[in-house]
C-alpha atoms as a PDB file:
ATOM      1  CA  MET A   1      89.120 150.853-115.033  1.00  0.00           C
ATOM      2  CA  LYS A   2      90.964 149.313-118.124  1.00  0.00           C
ATOM      3  CA  LYS A   3      92.191 145.772-117.394  1.00  0.00           C
ATOM      4  CA  ARG A   4      96.011 145.648-117.149  1.00  0.00           C
ATOM      5  CA  LEU A   5      96.803 141.802-117.304  1.00  0.00           C
ATOM      6  CA  LEU A   6      99.724 140.006-116.039  1.00  0.00           C
ATOM      7  CA  GLY A   7     100.332 136.522-117.506  1.00  0.00           C
ATOM      8  CA  ILE A   8     101.774 133.913-115.378  1.00  0.00           C
ATOM      9  CA  ASP A   9     103.239 130.605-116.280  1.00  0.00           C
ATOM     10  CA  PHE A  10     103.606 129.152-112.754  1.00  0.00           C
ATOM     11  CA  GLY A  11     106.110 126.484-112.045  1.00  0.00           C
ATOM     12  CA  LYS A  12     106.899 125.143-108.618  1.00  0.00           C
ATOM     13  CA  LYS A  13     110.530 126.301-108.978  1.00  0.00           C
ATOM     14  CA  HIS A  14     110.425 128.900-111.629  1.00  0.00           C
ATOM     15  CA  THR A  15     107.482 131.362-112.588  1.00  0.00           C
ATOM     16  CA  GLY A  16     107.497 133.207-115.792  1.00  0.00           C
ATOM     17  CA  LEU A  17     105.665 136.785-115.879  1.00  0.00           C
ATOM     18  CA  ALA A  18     104.586 138.917-118.995  1.00  0.00           C
ATOM     19  CA  VAL A  19     102.466 141.899-119.405  1.00  0.00           C
ATOM     20  CA  ALA A  20      99.952 142.884-122.130  1.00  0.00           C
ATOM     21  CA  ASP A  21     100.030 146.298-123.333  1.00  0.00           C
ATOM     22  CA  TYR A  22      97.437 148.717-123.344  1.00  0.00           C
ATOM     23  CA  PRO A  23      94.935 148.230-125.389  1.00  0.00           C
ATOM     24  CA  GLY A  24      96.010 144.509-125.467  1.00  0.00           C
ATOM     25  CA  LEU A  25      97.189 143.865-128.792  1.00  0.00           C
ATOM     26  CA  THR A  26     100.603 142.417-127.769  1.00  0.00           C
ATOM     27  CA  ALA A  27     102.632 141.260-124.795  1.00  0.00           C
ATOM     28  CA  LYS A  28     106.188 141.220-123.580  1.00  0.00           C
ATOM     29  CA  PRO A  29     108.071 138.980-121.255  1.00  0.00           C
ATOM     30  CA  LEU A  30     109.010 140.606-118.011  1.00  0.00           C
ATOM     31  CA  ALA A  31     110.824 138.496-115.432  1.00  0.00           C
ATOM     32  CA  THR A  32     111.248 134.732-114.012  1.00  0.00           C
ATOM     33  CA  LEU A  33     110.725 134.645-110.361  1.00  0.00           C
ATOM     34  CA  ARG A  34     111.844 131.742-108.310  1.00  0.00           C
ATOM     35  CA  TYR A  35     108.474 130.736-106.802  1.00  0.00           C
ATOM     36  CA  ASP A  36     110.389 128.531-103.793  1.00  0.00           C
ATOM     37  CA  SER A  37     112.136 131.877-102.880  1.00  0.00           C
ATOM     38  CA  PRO A  38     110.872 133.648 -99.598  1.00  0.00           C
ATOM     39  CA  ARG A  39     111.107 136.907-101.524  1.00  0.00           C
ATOM     40  CA  PHE A  40     108.627 135.791-104.336  1.00  0.00           C
ATOM     41  CA  TRP A  41     105.652 137.522-103.106  1.00  0.00           C
ATOM     42  CA  ILE A  42     107.577 140.870-102.409  1.00  0.00           C
ATOM     43  CA  GLU A  43     108.940 140.777-105.943  1.00  0.00           C
ATOM     44  CA  LEU A  44     105.631 139.810-107.320  1.00  0.00           C
ATOM     45  CA  GLU A  45     104.180 142.690-105.631  1.00  0.00           C
ATOM     46  CA  ARG A  46     106.955 145.277-107.002  1.00  0.00           C
ATOM     47  CA  ILE A  47     106.231 144.079-110.356  1.00  0.00           C
ATOM     48  CA  ILE A  48     102.641 144.512-110.051  1.00  0.00           C
ATOM     49  CA  ALA A  49     102.953 148.014-108.669  1.00  0.00           C
ATOM     50  CA  ASP A  50     105.533 148.827-111.496  1.00  0.00           C
ATOM     51  CA  GLU A  51     103.403 147.804-114.344  1.00  0.00           C
ATOM     52  CA  ASN A  52      99.919 148.835-112.639  1.00  0.00           C
ATOM     53  CA  ILE A  53      98.486 145.471-112.807  1.00  0.00           C
ATOM     54  CA  ASN A  54      95.090 144.823-111.872  1.00  0.00           C
ATOM     55  CA  ALA A  55      94.303 141.208-113.275  1.00  0.00           C
ATOM     56  CA  PHE A  56      95.873 137.754-113.626  1.00  0.00           C
ATOM     57  CA  LEU A  57      95.950 135.274-116.530  1.00  0.00           C
ATOM     58  CA  VAL A  58      97.197 131.883-115.090  1.00  0.00           C
ATOM     59  CA  GLY A  59      98.232 129.171-117.268  1.00  0.00           C
ATOM     60  CA  TYR A  60      96.453 125.943-116.529  1.00  0.00           C
ATOM     61  CA  PRO A  61      97.092 122.653-118.004  1.00  0.00           C
ATOM     62  CA  GLU A  62      94.258 121.268-119.711  1.00  0.00           C
ATOM     63  CA  SER A  63      94.122 117.265-119.655  1.00  0.00           C
ATOM     64  CA  GLU A  64      91.863 114.605-119.038  1.00  0.00           C
ATOM     65  CA  VAL A  65      93.765 113.435-116.081  1.00  0.00           C
ATOM     66  CA  HIS A  66      94.069 115.491-112.957  1.00  0.00           C
ATOM     67  CA  GLY A  67      97.612 115.405-111.429  1.00  0.00           C
ATOM     68  CA  GLU A  68      99.921 116.965-109.163  1.00  0.00           C
ATOM     69  CA  ILE A  69     100.519 119.906-111.359  1.00  0.00           C
ATOM     70  CA  HIS A  70      97.055 120.911-111.526  1.00  0.00           C
ATOM     71  CA  ASP A  71      96.656 120.786-107.563  1.00  0.00           C
ATOM     72  CA  SER A  72      99.728 122.944-107.420  1.00  0.00           C
ATOM     73  CA  VAL A  73      98.072 125.356-109.979  1.00  0.00           C
ATOM     74  CA  GLU A  74      94.968 125.564-108.150  1.00  0.00           C
ATOM     75  CA  ARG A  75      96.790 126.124-104.917  1.00  0.00           C
ATOM     76  CA  PHE A  76      98.925 128.982-106.242  1.00  0.00           C
ATOM     77  CA  ILE A  77      95.527 130.486-107.567  1.00  0.00           C
ATOM     78  CA  ARG A  78      93.995 130.333-104.068  1.00  0.00           C
ATOM     79  CA  GLU A  79      97.302 132.207-102.864  1.00  0.00           C
ATOM     80  CA  LEU A  80      96.970 134.854-105.642  1.00  0.00           C
ATOM     81  CA  LYS A  81      93.401 135.459-104.337  1.00  0.00           C
ATOM     82  CA  ASP A  82      94.561 135.535-100.708  1.00  0.00           C
ATOM     83  CA  HIS A  83      97.608 138.140-101.703  1.00  0.00           C
ATOM     84  CA  PHE A  84      95.492 140.017-104.223  1.00  0.00           C
ATOM     85  CA  PRO A  85      91.781 139.707-103.303  1.00  0.00           C
ATOM     86  CA  LEU A  86      90.262 142.642-105.540  1.00  0.00           C
ATOM     87  CA  PHE A  87      91.977 141.506-108.760  1.00  0.00           C
ATOM     88  CA  ASP A  88      90.331 139.210-111.504  1.00  0.00           C
ATOM     89  CA  ILE A  89      91.909 136.004-112.164  1.00  0.00           C
ATOM     90  CA  GLU A  90      91.332 133.947-115.319  1.00  0.00           C
ATOM     91  CA  THR A  91      92.916 130.901-116.640  1.00  0.00           C
ATOM     92  CA  LEU A  92      93.844 129.668-119.963  1.00  0.00           C
ATOM     93  CA  ASP A  93      94.883 126.473-121.337  1.00  0.00           C
ATOM     94  CA  GLU A  94      98.881 126.508-121.077  1.00  0.00           C
ATOM     95  CA  SER A  95      99.352 123.233-123.564  1.00  0.00           C
ATOM     96  CA  TYR A  96     102.957 123.530-125.183  1.00  0.00           C
ATOM     97  CA  THR A  97     103.667 126.818-124.314  1.00  0.00           C
ATOM     98  CA  SER A  98     106.825 125.996-123.033  1.00  0.00           C
ATOM     99  CA  ILE A  99     107.825 124.007-125.972  1.00  0.00           C
ATOM    100  CA  GLU A 100     106.843 127.091-128.143  1.00  0.00           C
ATOM    101  CA  ALA A 101     109.078 129.229-126.057  1.00  0.00           C
ATOM    102  CA  ASP A 102     111.885 127.021-126.394  1.00  0.00           C
ATOM    103  CA  ILE A 103     111.474 126.904-130.028  1.00  0.00           C
ATOM    104  CA  MET A 104     111.120 130.765-130.142  1.00  0.00           C
ATOM    105  CA  LEU A 105     114.281 131.113-128.018  1.00  0.00           C
ATOM    106  CA  HIS A 106     116.404 128.646-130.141  1.00  0.00           C
ATOM    107  CA  GLU A 107     115.489 130.384-133.485  1.00  0.00           C
ATOM    108  CA  THR A 108     116.434 133.876-131.934  1.00  0.00           C
ATOM    109  CA  GLY A 109     119.744 132.629-130.445  1.00  0.00           C
ATOM    110  CA  GLN A 110     118.806 133.256-126.558  1.00  0.00           C
ATOM    111  CA  PHE A 111     118.711 129.653-125.655  1.00  0.00           C
ATOM    112  CA  LYS A 112     121.553 129.095-123.524  1.00  0.00           C
ATOM    113  CA  LYS A 113     122.326 125.455-122.507  1.00  0.00           C
ATOM    114  CA  GLY A 114     121.417 124.990-118.674  1.00  0.00           C
ATOM    115  CA  LYS A 115     119.822 128.482-118.366  1.00  0.00           C
ATOM    116  CA  ARG A 116     116.213 128.028-119.304  1.00  0.00           C
ATOM    117  CA  THR A 117     114.737 130.806-116.994  1.00  0.00           C
ATOM    118  CA  GLY A 118     113.837 132.756-120.227  1.00  0.00           C
ATOM    119  CA  GLN A 119     111.664 130.254-121.145  1.00  0.00           C
ATOM    120  CA  HIS A 120     109.122 130.844-118.473  1.00  0.00           C
ATOM    121  CA  SER A 121     108.553 134.510-119.007  1.00  0.00           C
ATOM    122  CA  GLN A 122     108.444 133.653-122.951  1.00  0.00           C
ATOM    123  CA  ALA A 123     105.590 130.937-122.178  1.00  0.00           C
ATOM    124  CA  ALA A 124     103.710 133.416-120.144  1.00  0.00           C
ATOM    125  CA  LYS A 125     103.991 135.870-122.938  1.00  0.00           C
ATOM    126  CA  ILE A 126     102.744 133.150-125.442  1.00  0.00           C
ATOM    127  CA  LEU A 127      99.864 132.205-123.001  1.00  0.00           C
ATOM    128  CA  LEU A 128      98.980 136.182-123.034  1.00  0.00           C
ATOM    129  CA  LEU A 129      99.002 136.376-126.821  1.00  0.00           C
ATOM    130  CA  ARG A 130      96.598 133.351-127.020  1.00  0.00           C
ATOM    131  CA  TYR A 131      94.321 135.112-124.472  1.00  0.00           C
ATOM    132  CA  LEU A 132      94.477 138.534-126.618  1.00  0.00           C
ATOM    133  CA  ASN A 133      93.960 136.552-130.018  1.00  0.00           C
ATOM    134  CA  LYS A 134      90.983 134.687-128.409  1.00  0.00           C
ATOM    135  CA  ASN A 135      89.340 137.689-127.043  1.00  0.00           C
ATOM    136  CA  SER A 136      90.026 140.136-130.083  1.00  0.00           C
ATOM    137  CA  SER A 137      87.491 137.962-132.324  1.00  0.00           C
END
């Protein structure tokens, strides 16, 4: 079975999602979900079913200091494993994806002051593109 990968830019408030196309040449932003919402897992399951997802790529902050965000991402990955035990879960350094997403949104005129939810799904897309580029060589 071909891997259908969902990129996840985890945040304790907003979590961005993007999907890689088949055969893994590019990616598109999907949605930003409220992780702190009681409907988070229901909405995530719907997206997974709609997009035929069977694997996850979660952004993980690479740094020499282990902090609260690392603990939060690790806890989220455990929750993903509990909800989707048959899915592969990979991580990739997410450094600067949010900054890159902000720049891209500004350049395309999509950035709206005070409304940054689009940033999260764009960051997930950038994460997926990094993964696809890394694994295409």
